[in-house]
C-alpha atoms as a PDB file:
ATOM      1  CA  MET A   1     163.768 124.208 101.047  1.00  0.00           C
ATOM      2  CA  ALA A   2     167.390 122.491 101.715  1.00  0.00           C
ATOM      3  CA  SER A   3     168.719 118.672 101.690  1.00  0.00           C
ATOM      4  CA  MET A   4     171.535 117.002 101.063  1.00  0.00           C
ATOM      5  CA  LEU A   5     170.671 114.528  98.162  1.00  0.00           C
ATOM      6  CA  GLY A   6     167.392 114.619  98.919  1.00  0.00           C
ATOM      7  CA  LEU A   7     168.105 113.476 102.643  1.00  0.00           C
ATOM      8  CA  ALA A   8     167.578 115.583 105.818  1.00  0.00           C
ATOM      9  CA  GLN A   9     165.248 117.779 104.512  1.00  0.00           C
ATOM     10  CA  GLY A  10     164.076 120.683 106.043  1.00  0.00           C
ATOM     11  CA  THR A  11     163.965 124.416 106.317  1.00  0.00           C
ATOM     12  CA  ILE A  12     167.395 126.948 106.700  1.00  0.00           C
ATOM     13  CA  ARG A  13     167.174 129.917 108.562  1.00  0.00           C
ATOM     14  CA  GLY A  14     169.121 132.885 109.463  1.00  0.00           C
ATOM     15  CA  GLY A  15     171.169 132.633 105.891  1.00  0.00           C
ATOM     16  CA  VAL A  16     170.668 136.255 103.947  1.00  0.00           C
ATOM     17  CA  PRO A  17     170.455 135.750 100.352  1.00  0.00           C
ATOM     18  CA  SER A  18     173.146 138.467  99.213  1.00  0.00           C
ATOM     19  CA  THR A  19     175.700 136.419 101.689  1.00  0.00           C
ATOM     20  CA  ARG A  20     179.135 136.281  99.961  1.00  0.00           C
ATOM     21  CA  ILE A  21     181.985 133.472 101.220  1.00  0.00           C
ATOM     22  CA  SER A  22     185.370 134.318 101.474  1.00  0.00           C
ATOM     23  CA  VAL A  23     187.954 131.487 101.898  1.00  0.00           C
ATOM     24  CA  TYR A  24     191.799 132.040 102.779  1.00  0.00           C
ATOM     25  CA  LYS A  25     193.515 128.569 102.787  1.00  0.00           C
ATOM     26  CA  VAL A  26     195.686 128.832 106.289  1.00  0.00           C
ATOM     27  CA  CYS A  27     196.590 124.725 106.464  1.00  0.00           C
ATOM     28  CA  TRP A  28     198.876 122.666 103.895  1.00  0.00           C
ATOM     29  CA  SER A  29     200.525 119.293 103.939  1.00  0.00           C
ATOM     30  CA  THR A  30     202.744 120.411 106.237  1.00  0.00           C
ATOM     31  CA  GLY A  31     200.915 122.286 108.777  1.00  0.00           C
ATOM     32  CA  CYS A  32     198.725 125.130 109.906  1.00  0.00           C
ATOM     33  CA  PHE A  33     201.601 127.677 110.533  1.00  0.00           C
ATOM     34  CA  ASP A  34     200.890 130.998 112.873  1.00  0.00           C
ATOM     35  CA  GLU A  35     202.396 133.562 109.695  1.00  0.00           C
ATOM     36  CA  ASN A  36     199.274 131.878 107.395  1.00  0.00           C
ATOM     37  CA  ILE A  37     196.740 132.177 109.942  1.00  0.00           C
ATOM     38  CA  LEU A  38     197.365 136.229 110.784  1.00  0.00           C
ATOM     39  CA  VAL A  39     197.813 136.747 106.939  1.00  0.00           C
ATOM     40  CA  ALA A  40     194.504 135.190 106.120  1.00  0.00           C
ATOM     41  CA  PHE A  41     193.129 137.204 109.172  1.00  0.00           C
ATOM     42  CA  ASP A  42     194.560 140.406 107.621  1.00  0.00           C
ATOM     43  CA  ASP A  43     193.497 139.298 104.373  1.00  0.00           C
ATOM     44  CA  ALA A  44     189.921 138.972 105.366  1.00  0.00           C
ATOM     45  CA  ILE A  45     190.267 142.119 107.200  1.00  0.00           C
ATOM     46  CA  LEU A  46     190.976 143.985 104.355  1.00  0.00           C
ATOM     47  CA  ASP A  47     188.652 142.664 102.036  1.00  0.00           C
ATOM     48  CA  GLY A  48     185.770 144.178 104.191  1.00  0.00           C
ATOM     49  CA  VAL A  49     184.278 140.900 105.926  1.00  0.00           C
ATOM     50  CA  ASP A  50     181.524 141.310 108.452  1.00  0.00           C
ATOM     51  CA  ILE A  51     182.111 137.792 109.975  1.00  0.00           C
ATOM     52  CA  LEU A  52     184.975 135.045 110.151  1.00  0.00           C
ATOM     53  CA  SER A  53     183.969 131.702 110.416  1.00  0.00           C
ATOM     54  CA  VAL A  54     187.612 129.789 112.136  1.00  0.00           C
ATOM     55  CA  SER A  55     187.148 126.427 111.911  1.00  0.00           C
ATOM     56  CA  LEU A  56     190.143 126.026 113.704  1.00  0.00           C
ATOM     57  CA  GLY A  57     192.069 124.365 117.079  1.00  0.00           C
ATOM     58  CA  PHE A  58     195.274 123.415 118.137  1.00  0.00           C
ATOM     59  CA  ASP A  59     196.293 121.199 120.926  1.00  0.00           C
ATOM     60  CA  SER A  60     197.774 123.266 123.421  1.00  0.00           C
ATOM     61  CA  ALA A  61     199.285 123.019 127.153  1.00  0.00           C
ATOM     62  CA  ASP A  62     198.401 126.785 127.480  1.00  0.00           C
ATOM     63  CA  ASN A  63     195.831 127.385 125.119  1.00  0.00           C
ATOM     64  CA  SER A  64     194.561 130.363 127.304  1.00  0.00           C
ATOM     65  CA  ASN A  65     197.595 132.469 126.356  1.00  0.00           C
ATOM     66  CA  HIS A  66     196.311 134.734 124.084  1.00  0.00           C
ATOM     67  CA  PHE A  67     199.935 136.428 123.609  1.00  0.00           C
ATOM     68  CA  LYS A  68     200.894 133.228 121.418  1.00  0.00           C
ATOM     69  CA  ASP A  69     198.110 132.353 119.820  1.00  0.00           C
ATOM     70  CA  ALA A  70     197.820 133.373 116.553  1.00  0.00           C
ATOM     71  CA  ILE A  71     193.821 132.701 116.422  1.00  0.00           C
ATOM     72  CA  SER A  72     193.412 134.437 119.407  1.00  0.00           C
ATOM     73  CA  ILE A  73     195.810 137.800 118.017  1.00  0.00           C
ATOM     74  CA  GLY A  74     194.421 137.349 114.691  1.00  0.00           C
ATOM     75  CA  ALA A  75     190.651 137.831 116.003  1.00  0.00           C
ATOM     76  CA  PHE A  76     191.759 140.706 118.965  1.00  0.00           C
ATOM     77  CA  HIS A  77     193.029 142.685 115.313  1.00  0.00           C
ATOM     78  CA  ALA A  78     189.521 141.802 113.484  1.00  0.00           C
ATOM     79  CA  MET A  79     187.408 142.708 116.669  1.00  0.00           C
ATOM     80  CA  ARG A  80     189.721 145.832 116.703  1.00  0.00           C
ATOM     81  CA  ASP A  81     188.621 146.174 113.332  1.00  0.00           C
ATOM     82  CA  GLY A  82     184.200 145.603 113.896  1.00  0.00           C
ATOM     83  CA  VAL A  83     185.328 142.300 112.334  1.00  0.00           C
ATOM     84  CA  LEU A  84     183.216 139.578 114.752  1.00  0.00           C
ATOM     85  CA  THR A  85     185.228 136.142 114.810  1.00  0.00           C
ATOM     86  CA  VAL A  86     183.429 132.715 115.736  1.00  0.00           C
ATOM     87  CA  VAL A  87     185.679 129.927 116.424  1.00  0.00           C
ATOM     88  CA  ALA A  88     185.587 126.270 116.766  1.00  0.00           C
ATOM     89  CA  GLY A  89     185.262 125.215 120.140  1.00  0.00           C
ATOM     90  CA  GLY A  90     187.583 121.901 119.633  1.00  0.00           C
ATOM     91  CA  ASN A  91     187.087 117.876 119.368  1.00  0.00           C
ATOM     92  CA  LEU A  92     188.474 117.018 122.377  1.00  0.00           C
ATOM     93  CA  GLY A  93     185.647 117.273 125.160  1.00  0.00           C
ATOM     94  CA  PRO A  94     183.423 116.485 126.930  1.00  0.00           C
ATOM     95  CA  HIS A  95     186.255 116.664 129.243  1.00  0.00           C
ATOM     96  CA  PRO A  96     187.879 119.309 131.980  1.00  0.00           C
ATOM     97  CA  VAL A  97     190.327 121.945 129.533  1.00  0.00           C
ATOM     98  CA  SER A  98     189.125 120.637 126.480  1.00  0.00           C
ATOM     99  CA  LEU A  99     188.036 123.590 124.655  1.00  0.00           C
ATOM    100  CA  HIS A 100     190.321 125.723 122.463  1.00  0.00           C
ATOM    101  CA  ASN A 101     190.074 129.410 121.384  1.00  0.00           C
ATOM    102  CA  LEU A 102     188.992 130.883 124.485  1.00  0.00           C
ATOM    103  CA  ALA A 103     189.701 134.559 123.904  1.00  0.00           C
ATOM    104  CA  PRO A 104     186.892 136.297 125.137  1.00  0.00           C
ATOM    105  CA  TRP A 105     186.769 138.726 122.019  1.00  0.00           C
ATOM    106  CA  THR A 106     185.594 135.814 120.332  1.00  0.00           C
ATOM    107  CA  ILE A 107     182.291 133.719 119.853  1.00  0.00           C
ATOM    108  CA  VAL A 108     183.182 130.189 120.670  1.00  0.00           C
ATOM    109  CA  VAL A 109     181.062 127.482 119.074  1.00  0.00           C
ATOM    110  CA  GLY A 110     180.918 123.797 119.814  1.00  0.00           C
ATOM    111  CA  ALA A 111     179.316 121.480 117.184  1.00  0.00           C
ATOM    112  CA  SER A 112     176.960 118.735 118.176  1.00  0.00           C
ATOM    113  CA  THR A 113     175.188 115.797 116.831  1.00  0.00           C
ATOM    114  CA  ILE A 114     171.984 116.279 113.976  1.00  0.00           C
ATOM    115  CA  ASP A 115     168.322 115.023 114.874  1.00  0.00           C
ATOM    116  CA  ARG A 116     168.261 112.665 111.987  1.00  0.00           C
ATOM    117  CA  LYS A 117     169.511 109.249 111.257  1.00  0.00           C
ATOM    118  CA  PHE A 118     170.608 108.054 107.837  1.00  0.00           C
ATOM    119  CA  ILE A 119     169.485 104.476 107.871  1.00  0.00           C
ATOM    120  CA  THR A 120     172.664 102.321 105.986  1.00  0.00           C
ATOM    121  CA  LYS A 121     172.207  98.529 105.409  1.00  0.00           C
ATOM    122  CA  VAL A 122     175.052  96.322 104.582  1.00  0.00           C
ATOM    123  CA  LYS A 123     174.956  92.784 103.373  1.00  0.00           C
ATOM    124  CA  LEU A 124     177.351  90.445 103.937  1.00  0.00           C
ATOM    125  CA  GLY A 125     178.130  87.147 101.203  1.00  0.00           C
ATOM    126  CA  ASP A 126     176.731  85.233 103.637  1.00  0.00           C
ATOM    127  CA  ASN A 127     173.119  87.054 103.106  1.00  0.00           C
ATOM    128  CA  THR A 128     173.420  88.538 106.616  1.00  0.00           C
ATOM    129  CA  THR A 129     171.735  92.140 106.216  1.00  0.00           C
ATOM    130  CA  TYR A 130     173.176  94.762 109.253  1.00  0.00           C
ATOM    131  CA  GLU A 131     170.953  97.656 109.504  1.00  0.00           C
ATOM    132  CA  GLY A 132     173.241 101.262 111.098  1.00  0.00           C
ATOM    133  CA  VAL A 133     173.649 104.680 110.864  1.00  0.00           C
ATOM    134  CA  SER A 134     175.695 106.025 108.010  1.00  0.00           C
ATOM    135  CA  LEU A 135     175.800 108.608 105.701  1.00  0.00           C
ATOM    136  CA  ASN A 136     175.681 106.900 102.694  1.00  0.00           C
ATOM    137  CA  THR A 137     174.479 108.968  99.834  1.00  0.00           C
ATOM    138  CA  PHE A 138     175.188 106.372  96.612  1.00  0.00           C
ATOM    139  CA  ASP A 139     173.413 103.109  95.651  1.00  0.00           C
ATOM    140  CA  LEU A 140     175.834  99.956  95.537  1.00  0.00           C
ATOM    141  CA  ALA A 141     173.721  98.769  93.263  1.00  0.00           C
ATOM    142  CA  GLU A 142     173.364  94.719  95.028  1.00  0.00           C
ATOM    143  CA  THR A 143     177.256  95.040  94.553  1.00  0.00           C
ATOM    144  CA  LEU A 144     179.147  92.940  97.255  1.00  0.00           C
ATOM    145  CA  TYR A 145     182.655  94.821  98.343  1.00  0.00           C
ATOM    146  CA  PRO A 146     185.560  92.911 100.770  1.00  0.00           C
ATOM    147  CA  ILE A 147     185.211  93.514 104.323  1.00  0.00           C
ATOM    148  CA  ILE A 148     188.980  94.527 104.734  1.00  0.00           C
ATOM    149  CA  PHE A 149     190.988  96.768 107.231  1.00  0.00           C
ATOM    150  CA  GLY A 150     190.981 100.279 107.043  1.00  0.00           C
ATOM    151  CA  GLY A 151     194.318 101.286 107.284  1.00  0.00           C
ATOM    152  CA  ASP A 152     194.127  99.409 103.416  1.00  0.00           C
ATOM    153  CA  ALA A 153     191.130 100.772 102.152  1.00  0.00           C
ATOM    154  CA  SER A 154     192.558 103.228  99.207  1.00  0.00           C
ATOM    155  CA  LYS A 155     194.470 100.222  98.158  1.00  0.00           C
ATOM    156  CA  THR A 156     191.730  97.595  98.174  1.00  0.00           C
ATOM    157  CA  ILE A 157     189.302 100.401  96.588  1.00  0.00           C
ATOM    158  CA  VAL A 158     191.800 100.777  93.545  1.00  0.00           C
ATOM    159  CA  ASP A 159     192.242  96.771  93.075  1.00  0.00           C
ATOM    160  CA  VAL A 160     188.079  96.378  93.331  1.00  0.00           C
ATOM    161  CA  PHE A 161     187.747  98.769  91.084  1.00  0.00           C
ATOM    162  CA  ARG A 162     190.493  98.053  88.507  1.00  0.00           C
ATOM    163  CA  ARG A 163     189.058  94.682  88.763  1.00  0.00           C
ATOM    164  CA  LYS A 164     185.256  95.522  87.655  1.00  0.00           C
ATOM    165  CA  SER A 165     186.983  97.848  84.991  1.00  0.00           C
ATOM    166  CA  ARG A 166     188.434  94.809  83.566  1.00  0.00           C
END
């Protein structure tokens, strides 16, 4: 049985008990650079991984030029060494040419929605309650918080917690 904090309970299928996971960092605060991507592919191949799961995709005018795309090149090297590469389809769809990572030697996976809804209630200061879908895993304990502009969230949250800690 698997769940996230008691939500979405179900059975996991397809996992292997002896599976080990290796993670290779390729993106930094300054971006995701081709040389880092290619080094991560090489390191993973040398480490003897069986499958690479690459959750990267870049918006490119020509994402089908496999000779200039680091993910395509790295996946080709992996395939040559017997390592399967599974790549992210991208997040711009569903529109024509919205897929990324089109190399024929990869498996392209697109995300979907889940078959569950996590209902959260929001109570306003005037006692009006709204219900909506969320992934809220914490109890607000009847504490009211101000409605704010999302761009101010980090500043506002810090101010709210400072006031509560006094």
